[in-house]
Amino acid sequence: MQIIPVIDLRSGVVVRAQAGQRKDYRPIQSLLAKTCDPVEIVQGFFTLGYFDTLYIADLDAIMQAGDNRAVVSRISEVFPKLRLWVDPGLRHAKDLIDWRLASNIDLVLGSESLRDPSDLTALDKSQDYILSLDFFGSDFLGPVEILKETRLWPMRLIVMTLKNIGLRAGPDWRRVEETLARAGDRSVYAAGGVRSEEDVLTLKEMGAAGVLVASALHEKKLGFSAVR
């Protein structure tokens, strides 16, 4: 069971994500670091134990208001052994090429950003990209074909429930369960609402390969050695 810490970048700093209301996100206040500097935040995560993967959401790129490529490159250089999953709000699958900044970066295609589901048919499903199935409450964000057609899915999937992020609401159990039932031998990662070790253990028992977490780490309610 993999616990993957998350940082949301806006204007070069880490912000606190809450309920998917991106315009209201403010610089993070964490028990793990004195500032909201991305490198300091990642170093703070390591005080909770060892982890090998970090998820980065480039909110400026997702919102088409610039990007944080320089910050992502800096994190990649400072932590060369850390695998980075980066969501840069790609509109088209072909844009994967433009964001291959380093060998330790895997790109995330977010359904909310993708414009044409047929783009996914041209991609080798074994490539090092991850598909994020994005939801806001009961609404799927993105072309509905991406959700319906499992043949479009690569080997790694994120179930991203934006409305649950940062609210201590708990994971979207039903959505994760439904995706696991349809995913076959693919790895499914839950994101949004994870509060504690108990939530992580429940997701593990359900068959999830891992969880994406931020608030529970910043509040020191979860560590990386808690679940193996």
C-alpha atoms as a PDB file:
ATOM      1  CA  MET A   1       0.000   0.000   0.000  1.00  0.00           C
ATOM      2  CA  GLN A   2       1.576   3.257  -1.159  1.00  0.00           C
ATOM      3  CA  ILE A   3       1.085   6.553   0.656  1.00  0.00           C
ATOM      4  CA  ILE A   4       1.848   9.378  -1.771  1.00  0.00           C
ATOM      5  CA  PRO A   5       2.140  12.920  -0.408  1.00  0.00           C
ATOM      6  CA  VAL A   6       0.627  15.741  -2.445  1.00  0.00           C
ATOM      7  CA  ILE A   7       1.675  19.326  -3.049  1.00  0.00           C
ATOM      8  CA  ASP A   8      -0.456  21.870  -4.905  1.00  0.00           C
ATOM      9  CA  LEU A   9       1.611  24.598  -6.543  1.00  0.00           C
ATOM     10  CA  ARG A  10       0.426  28.092  -7.325  1.00  0.00           C
ATOM     11  CA  SER A  11       2.709  31.037  -8.088  1.00  0.00           C
ATOM     12  CA  GLY A  12       5.721  29.010  -7.007  1.00  0.00           C
ATOM     13  CA  VAL A  13       4.549  28.082  -3.500  1.00  0.00           C
ATOM     14  CA  VAL A  14       2.578  25.250  -1.912  1.00  0.00           C
ATOM     15  CA  VAL A  15      -1.057  26.089  -1.207  1.00  0.00           C
ATOM     16  CA  ARG A  16      -3.681  24.301   0.864  1.00  0.00           C
ATOM     17  CA  ALA A  17      -6.265  22.609  -1.319  1.00  0.00           C
ATOM     18  CA  GLN A  18      -9.814  22.636   0.009  1.00  0.00           C
ATOM     19  CA  ALA A  19     -12.968  21.286  -1.616  1.00  0.00           C
ATOM     20  CA  GLY A  20     -11.687  21.985  -5.123  1.00  0.00           C
ATOM     21  CA  GLN A  21     -12.299  25.750  -4.777  1.00  0.00           C
ATOM     22  CA  ARG A  22      -8.967  26.704  -6.333  1.00  0.00           C
ATOM     23  CA  LYS A  23      -9.491  30.460  -6.369  1.00  0.00           C
ATOM     24  CA  ASP A  24      -9.679  30.339  -2.557  1.00  0.00           C
ATOM     25  CA  TYR A  25      -6.518  28.293  -1.960  1.00  0.00           C
ATOM     26  CA  ARG A  26      -4.026  30.021   0.346  1.00  0.00           C
ATOM     27  CA  PRO A  27      -0.340  29.314   1.162  1.00  0.00           C
ATOM     28  CA  ILE A  28      -0.051  26.151   3.225  1.00  0.00           C
ATOM     29  CA  GLN A  29       0.446  26.290   6.978  1.00  0.00           C
ATOM     30  CA  SER A  30       2.052  23.009   7.943  1.00  0.00           C
ATOM     31  CA  LEU A  31       3.335  21.426  11.124  1.00  0.00           C
ATOM     32  CA  LEU A  32       6.148  19.999   9.004  1.00  0.00           C
ATOM     33  CA  ALA A  33       7.746  23.206   7.720  1.00  0.00           C
ATOM     34  CA  LYS A  34       8.141  26.861   8.638  1.00  0.00           C
ATOM     35  CA  THR A  35       7.348  28.174   5.161  1.00  0.00           C
ATOM     36  CA  CYS A  36       5.342  27.205   2.087  1.00  0.00           C
ATOM     37  CA  ASP A  37       8.479  26.727  -0.032  1.00  0.00           C
ATOM     38  CA  PRO A  38       8.048  23.499  -2.058  1.00  0.00           C
ATOM     39  CA  VAL A  39      11.468  22.047  -1.254  1.00  0.00           C
ATOM     40  CA  GLU A  40      11.047  22.734   2.463  1.00  0.00           C
ATOM     41  CA  ILE A  41       7.598  21.112   2.397  1.00  0.00           C
ATOM     42  CA  VAL A  42       8.969  17.972   0.715  1.00  0.00           C
ATOM     43  CA  GLN A  43      11.782  17.836   3.273  1.00  0.00           C
ATOM     44  CA  GLY A  44       9.108  18.118   5.963  1.00  0.00           C
ATOM     45  CA  PHE A  45       7.306  15.081   4.557  1.00  0.00           C
ATOM     46  CA  PHE A  46      10.507  13.073   4.994  1.00  0.00           C
ATOM     47  CA  THR A  47      10.422  13.763   8.748  1.00  0.00           C
ATOM     48  CA  LEU A  48       7.370  11.459   8.845  1.00  0.00           C
ATOM     49  CA  GLY A  49       9.224   8.544   7.266  1.00  0.00           C
ATOM     50  CA  TYR A  50      10.430   7.337   3.907  1.00  0.00           C
ATOM     51  CA  PHE A  51       8.393   7.680   0.721  1.00  0.00           C
ATOM     52  CA  ASP A  52       9.407   7.240  -2.923  1.00  0.00           C
ATOM     53  CA  THR A  53       6.691   9.108  -4.865  1.00  0.00           C
ATOM     54  CA  LEU A  54       5.352  12.663  -4.722  1.00  0.00           C
ATOM     55  CA  TYR A  55       2.238  13.970  -6.504  1.00  0.00           C
ATOM     56  CA  ILE A  56       2.411  17.555  -7.776  1.00  0.00           C
ATOM     57  CA  ALA A  57      -0.593  19.497  -9.059  1.00  0.00           C
ATOM     58  CA  ASP A  58       0.478  22.544 -11.052  1.00  0.00           C
ATOM     59  CA  LEU A  59      -2.602  24.657 -10.411  1.00  0.00           C
ATOM     60  CA  ASP A  60      -1.462  27.542 -12.591  1.00  0.00           C
ATOM     61  CA  ALA A  61      -1.092  25.194 -15.557  1.00  0.00           C
ATOM     62  CA  ILE A  62      -4.391  23.448 -14.800  1.00  0.00           C
ATOM     63  CA  MET A  63      -6.135  26.825 -14.669  1.00  0.00           C
ATOM     64  CA  GLN A  64      -4.268  28.035 -17.776  1.00  0.00           C
ATOM     65  CA  ALA A  65      -2.645  30.897 -15.883  1.00  0.00           C
ATOM     66  CA  GLY A  66       1.042  30.144 -16.447  1.00  0.00           C
ATOM     67  CA  ASP A  67       2.878  27.158 -14.989  1.00  0.00           C
ATOM     68  CA  ASN A  68       5.373  26.002 -12.370  1.00  0.00           C
ATOM     69  CA  ARG A  69       7.804  24.101 -14.603  1.00  0.00           C
ATOM     70  CA  ALA A  70      10.800  25.742 -12.970  1.00  0.00           C
ATOM     71  CA  VAL A  71       9.613  24.665  -9.524  1.00  0.00           C
ATOM     72  CA  VAL A  72       8.955  21.101 -10.702  1.00  0.00           C
ATOM     73  CA  SER A  73      12.462  20.984 -12.223  1.00  0.00           C
ATOM     74  CA  ARG A  74      13.925  22.261  -8.946  1.00  0.00           C
ATOM     75  CA  ILE A  75      12.166  19.552  -6.938  1.00  0.00           C
ATOM     76  CA  SER A  76      13.319  16.948  -9.460  1.00  0.00           C
ATOM     77  CA  GLU A  77      16.937  18.104  -9.112  1.00  0.00           C
ATOM     78  CA  VAL A  78      16.934  18.341  -5.307  1.00  0.00           C
ATOM     79  CA  PHE A  79      15.251  14.916  -4.928  1.00  0.00           C
ATOM     80  CA  PRO A  80      16.544  12.859  -7.900  1.00  0.00           C
ATOM     81  CA  LYS A  81      15.513   9.529  -6.337  1.00  0.00           C
ATOM     82  CA  LEU A  82      11.944  10.702  -5.780  1.00  0.00           C
ATOM     83  CA  ARG A  83       9.390   9.721  -8.417  1.00  0.00           C
ATOM     84  CA  LEU A  84       7.261  12.730  -9.314  1.00  0.00           C
ATOM     85  CA  TRP A  85       3.695  12.377 -10.575  1.00  0.00           C
ATOM     86  CA  VAL A  86       2.917  15.739 -12.143  1.00  0.00           C
ATOM     87  CA  ASP A  87      -0.478  16.997 -13.297  1.00  0.00           C
ATOM     88  CA  PRO A  88       0.162  20.041 -15.519  1.00  0.00           C
ATOM     89  CA  GLY A  89      -3.389  20.294 -16.841  1.00  0.00           C
ATOM     90  CA  LEU A  90      -2.656  18.762 -20.230  1.00  0.00           C
ATOM     91  CA  ARG A  91      -5.426  19.455 -22.738  1.00  0.00           C
ATOM     92  CA  HIS A  92      -4.214  16.914 -25.299  1.00  0.00           C
ATOM     93  CA  ALA A  93      -2.303  13.659 -24.916  1.00  0.00           C
ATOM     94  CA  LYS A  94       0.326  14.829 -27.406  1.00  0.00           C
ATOM     95  CA  ASP A  95       1.322  17.509 -24.893  1.00  0.00           C
ATOM     96  CA  LEU A  96       2.922  14.792 -22.764  1.00  0.00           C
ATOM     97  CA  ILE A  97       6.075  15.300 -24.833  1.00  0.00           C
ATOM     98  CA  ASP A  98       6.396  18.968 -23.862  1.00  0.00           C
ATOM     99  CA  TRP A  99       6.367  18.208 -20.130  1.00  0.00           C
ATOM    100  CA  ARG A 100       8.936  15.406 -19.982  1.00  0.00           C
ATOM    101  CA  LEU A 101      11.308  17.546 -17.932  1.00  0.00           C
ATOM    102  CA  ALA A 102      13.335  14.769 -16.298  1.00  0.00           C
ATOM    103  CA  SER A 103      13.630  10.991 -16.148  1.00  0.00           C
ATOM    104  CA  ASN A 104      12.070  10.825 -12.662  1.00  0.00           C
ATOM    105  CA  ILE A 105       8.809  12.501 -13.762  1.00  0.00           C
ATOM    106  CA  ASP A 106       5.615  10.619 -14.672  1.00  0.00           C
ATOM    107  CA  LEU A 107       2.848  12.777 -16.086  1.00  0.00           C
ATOM    108  CA  VAL A 108      -0.772  12.708 -14.975  1.00  0.00           C
ATOM    109  CA  LEU A 109      -3.538  13.224 -17.496  1.00  0.00           C
ATOM    110  CA  GLY A 110      -6.479  14.724 -15.617  1.00  0.00           C
ATOM    111  CA  SER A 111      -9.890  14.003 -17.118  1.00  0.00           C
ATOM    112  CA  GLU A 112     -11.067  17.526 -16.178  1.00  0.00           C
ATOM    113  CA  SER A 113      -8.423  19.016 -18.494  1.00  0.00           C
ATOM    114  CA  LEU A 114      -8.547  16.604 -21.442  1.00  0.00           C
ATOM    115  CA  ARG A 115     -10.542  17.811 -24.410  1.00  0.00           C
ATOM    116  CA  ASP A 116     -10.711  14.775 -26.710  1.00  0.00           C
ATOM    117  CA  PRO A 117     -11.022  11.231 -25.304  1.00  0.00           C
ATOM    118  CA  SER A 118      -9.845   9.794 -28.627  1.00  0.00           C
ATOM    119  CA  ASP A 119      -6.384  11.144 -27.755  1.00  0.00           C
ATOM    120  CA  LEU A 120      -6.040   8.288 -25.283  1.00  0.00           C
ATOM    121  CA  THR A 121      -6.452   5.627 -27.969  1.00  0.00           C
ATOM    122  CA  ALA A 122      -3.165   6.673 -29.555  1.00  0.00           C
ATOM    123  CA  LEU A 123      -1.184   6.204 -26.353  1.00  0.00           C
ATOM    124  CA  ASP A 124       0.571   3.016 -25.374  1.00  0.00           C
ATOM    125  CA  LYS A 125      -1.278   1.980 -22.209  1.00  0.00           C
ATOM    126  CA  SER A 126       1.983   0.692 -20.710  1.00  0.00           C
ATOM    127  CA  GLN A 127       3.638   4.127 -20.912  1.00  0.00           C
ATOM    128  CA  ASP A 128       4.652   5.943 -17.754  1.00  0.00           C
ATOM    129  CA  TYR A 129       1.587   8.148 -17.499  1.00  0.00           C
ATOM    130  CA  ILE A 130      -1.300   8.064 -15.047  1.00  0.00           C
ATOM    131  CA  LEU A 131      -4.951   8.860 -15.765  1.00  0.00           C
ATOM    132  CA  SER A 132      -6.821  10.812 -13.113  1.00  0.00           C
ATOM    133  CA  LEU A 133     -10.579  10.272 -13.126  1.00  0.00           C
ATOM    134  CA  ASP A 134     -11.733  13.575 -11.676  1.00  0.00           C
ATOM    135  CA  PHE A 135     -15.027  14.074  -9.851  1.00  0.00           C
ATOM    136  CA  PHE A 136     -16.738  16.928  -8.081  1.00  0.00           C
ATOM    137  CA  GLY A 137     -19.392  15.330  -5.919  1.00  0.00           C
ATOM    138  CA  SER A 138     -21.401  13.048  -8.199  1.00  0.00           C
ATOM    139  CA  ASP A 139     -20.287  14.871 -11.361  1.00  0.00           C
ATOM    140  CA  PHE A 140     -17.548  13.482 -13.572  1.00  0.00           C
ATOM    141  CA  LEU A 141     -15.223  16.195 -14.834  1.00  0.00           C
ATOM    142  CA  GLY A 142     -14.228  15.719 -18.451  1.00  0.00           C
ATOM    143  CA  PRO A 143     -15.468  13.848 -21.516  1.00  0.00           C
ATOM    144  CA  VAL A 144     -17.806  11.139 -20.266  1.00  0.00           C
ATOM    145  CA  GLU A 145     -16.287   8.615 -22.700  1.00  0.00           C
ATOM    146  CA  ILE A 146     -13.164   8.575 -20.539  1.00  0.00           C
ATOM    147  CA  LEU A 147     -15.198   7.296 -17.622  1.00  0.00           C
ATOM    148  CA  LYS A 148     -17.338   4.862 -19.622  1.00  0.00           C
ATOM    149  CA  GLU A 149     -14.708   3.276 -21.874  1.00  0.00           C
ATOM    150  CA  THR A 150     -12.282   1.278 -19.742  1.00  0.00           C
ATOM    151  CA  ARG A 151     -10.307   0.407 -22.893  1.00  0.00           C
ATOM    152  CA  LEU A 152      -9.001   3.987 -22.711  1.00  0.00           C
ATOM    153  CA  TRP A 153      -7.569   3.477 -19.226  1.00  0.00           C
ATOM    154  CA  PRO A 154      -3.819   2.976 -18.692  1.00  0.00           C
ATOM    155  CA  MET A 155      -2.371   0.700 -16.016  1.00  0.00           C
ATOM    156  CA  ARG A 156      -2.455   3.357 -13.292  1.00  0.00           C
ATOM    157  CA  LEU A 157      -5.580   5.275 -12.303  1.00  0.00           C
ATOM    158  CA  ILE A 158      -6.331   7.946  -9.721  1.00  0.00           C
ATOM    159  CA  VAL A 159      -9.859   8.398  -8.396  1.00  0.00           C
ATOM    160  CA  MET A 160      -9.789  12.113  -7.572  1.00  0.00           C
ATOM    161  CA  THR A 161     -12.738  13.432  -5.555  1.00  0.00           C
ATOM    162  CA  LEU A 162     -12.088  17.182  -5.500  1.00  0.00           C
ATOM    163  CA  LYS A 163     -15.013  18.076  -3.231  1.00  0.00           C
ATOM    164  CA  ASN A 164     -13.585  15.924  -0.408  1.00  0.00           C
ATOM    165  CA  ILE A 165     -10.091  17.413  -0.471  1.00  0.00           C
ATOM    166  CA  GLY A 166      -8.980  19.104   2.738  1.00  0.00           C
ATOM    167  CA  LEU A 167     -12.335  18.772   4.508  1.00  0.00           C
ATOM    168  CA  ARG A 168     -11.705  15.675   6.639  1.00  0.00           C
ATOM    169  CA  ALA A 169     -14.785  14.223   4.926  1.00  0.00           C
ATOM    170  CA  GLY A 170     -13.294  10.801   4.317  1.00  0.00           C
ATOM    171  CA  PRO A 171     -12.656   9.158   0.949  1.00  0.00           C
ATOM    172  CA  ASP A 172     -15.374   8.633  -1.642  1.00  0.00           C
ATOM    173  CA  TRP A 173     -15.744   4.971  -0.766  1.00  0.00           C
ATOM    174  CA  ARG A 174     -18.424   4.199  -3.327  1.00  0.00           C
ATOM    175  CA  ARG A 175     -16.544   5.790  -6.209  1.00  0.00           C
ATOM    176  CA  VAL A 176     -13.340   3.970  -5.322  1.00  0.00           C
ATOM    177  CA  GLU A 177     -15.196   0.670  -5.011  1.00  0.00           C
ATOM    178  CA  GLU A 178     -16.906   1.153  -8.381  1.00  0.00           C
ATOM    179  CA  THR A 179     -13.631   1.979 -10.093  1.00  0.00           C
ATOM    180  CA  LEU A 180     -11.861  -1.010  -8.553  1.00  0.00           C
ATOM    181  CA  ALA A 181     -14.640  -3.274  -9.822  1.00  0.00           C
ATOM    182  CA  ARG A 182     -14.098  -2.023 -13.385  1.00  0.00           C
ATOM    183  CA  ALA A 183     -10.331  -1.603 -13.365  1.00  0.00           C
ATOM    184  CA  GLY A 184      -9.302  -5.232 -13.780  1.00  0.00           C
ATOM    185  CA  ASP A 185      -5.576  -5.634 -13.085  1.00  0.00           C
ATOM    186  CA  ARG A 186      -4.909  -1.892 -13.105  1.00  0.00           C
ATOM    187  CA  SER A 187      -3.567  -0.095 -10.037  1.00  0.00           C
ATOM    188  CA  VAL A 188      -6.096   2.303  -8.487  1.00  0.00           C
ATOM    189  CA  TYR A 189      -5.112   5.173  -6.199  1.00  0.00           C
ATOM    190  CA  ALA A 190      -7.624   7.083  -4.066  1.00  0.00           C
ATOM    191  CA  ALA A 191      -7.361  10.861  -3.664  1.00  0.00           C
ATOM    192  CA  GLY A 192      -9.441  13.241  -1.586  1.00  0.00           C
ATOM    193  CA  GLY A 193     -10.566  13.083   2.025  1.00  0.00           C
ATOM    194  CA  VAL A 194      -8.103  10.598   3.534  1.00  0.00           C
ATOM    195  CA  ARG A 195      -7.972  11.455   7.228  1.00  0.00           C
ATOM    196  CA  SER A 196      -6.137   8.740   9.106  1.00  0.00           C
ATOM    197  CA  GLU A 197      -4.465   5.357   9.216  1.00  0.00           C
ATOM    198  CA  GLU A 198      -7.913   3.785   9.536  1.00  0.00           C
ATOM    199  CA  ASP A 199      -8.980   5.248   6.182  1.00  0.00           C
ATOM    200  CA  VAL A 200      -5.781   3.991   4.570  1.00  0.00           C
ATOM    201  CA  LEU A 201      -6.248   0.488   5.977  1.00  0.00           C
ATOM    202  CA  THR A 202      -9.837   0.371   4.731  1.00  0.00           C
ATOM    203  CA  LEU A 203      -8.757   1.406   1.236  1.00  0.00           C
ATOM    204  CA  LYS A 204      -6.033  -1.235   1.322  1.00  0.00           C
ATOM    205  CA  GLU A 205      -8.577  -3.905   2.241  1.00  0.00           C
ATOM    206  CA  MET A 206     -10.760  -2.735  -0.654  1.00  0.00           C
ATOM    207  CA  GLY A 207      -7.887  -3.339  -3.048  1.00  0.00           C
ATOM    208  CA  ALA A 208      -6.519   0.163  -3.660  1.00  0.00           C
ATOM    209  CA  ALA A 209      -2.847   0.276  -4.592  1.00  0.00           C
ATOM    210  CA  GLY A 210      -2.290   3.532  -2.765  1.00  0.00           C
ATOM    211  CA  VAL A 211      -3.596   6.878  -1.541  1.00  0.00           C
ATOM    212  CA  LEU A 212      -2.763  10.496  -2.268  1.00  0.00           C
ATOM    213  CA  VAL A 213      -2.639  12.531   0.955  1.00  0.00           C
ATOM    214  CA  ALA A 214      -1.873  16.084   2.043  1.00  0.00           C
ATOM    215  CA  SER A 215      -3.820  17.432   5.043  1.00  0.00           C
ATOM    216  CA  ALA A 216      -3.393  14.336   7.232  1.00  0.00           C
ATOM    217  CA  LEU A 217       0.381  14.592   6.737  1.00  0.00           C
ATOM    218  CA  HIS A 218       0.622  18.320   7.385  1.00  0.00           C
ATOM    219  CA  GLU A 219      -1.388  17.814  10.586  1.00  0.00           C
ATOM    220  CA  LYS A 220       0.798  14.822  11.596  1.00  0.00           C
ATOM    221  CA  LYS A 221      -2.163  12.476  11.713  1.00  0.00           C
ATOM    222  CA  LEU A 222      -0.516   9.981   9.374  1.00  0.00           C
ATOM    223  CA  GLY A 223       3.002   8.799   8.644  1.00  0.00           C
ATOM    224  CA  PHE A 224       4.548   6.704   5.910  1.00  0.00           C
ATOM    225  CA  SER A 225       5.409   3.804   8.205  1.00  0.00           C
ATOM    226  CA  ALA A 226       1.787   3.469   9.356  1.00  0.00           C
ATOM    227  CA  VAL A 227       0.730   1.146   6.574  1.00  0.00           C
ATOM    228  CA  ARG A 228       2.845  -1.379   4.708  1.00  0.00           C
END
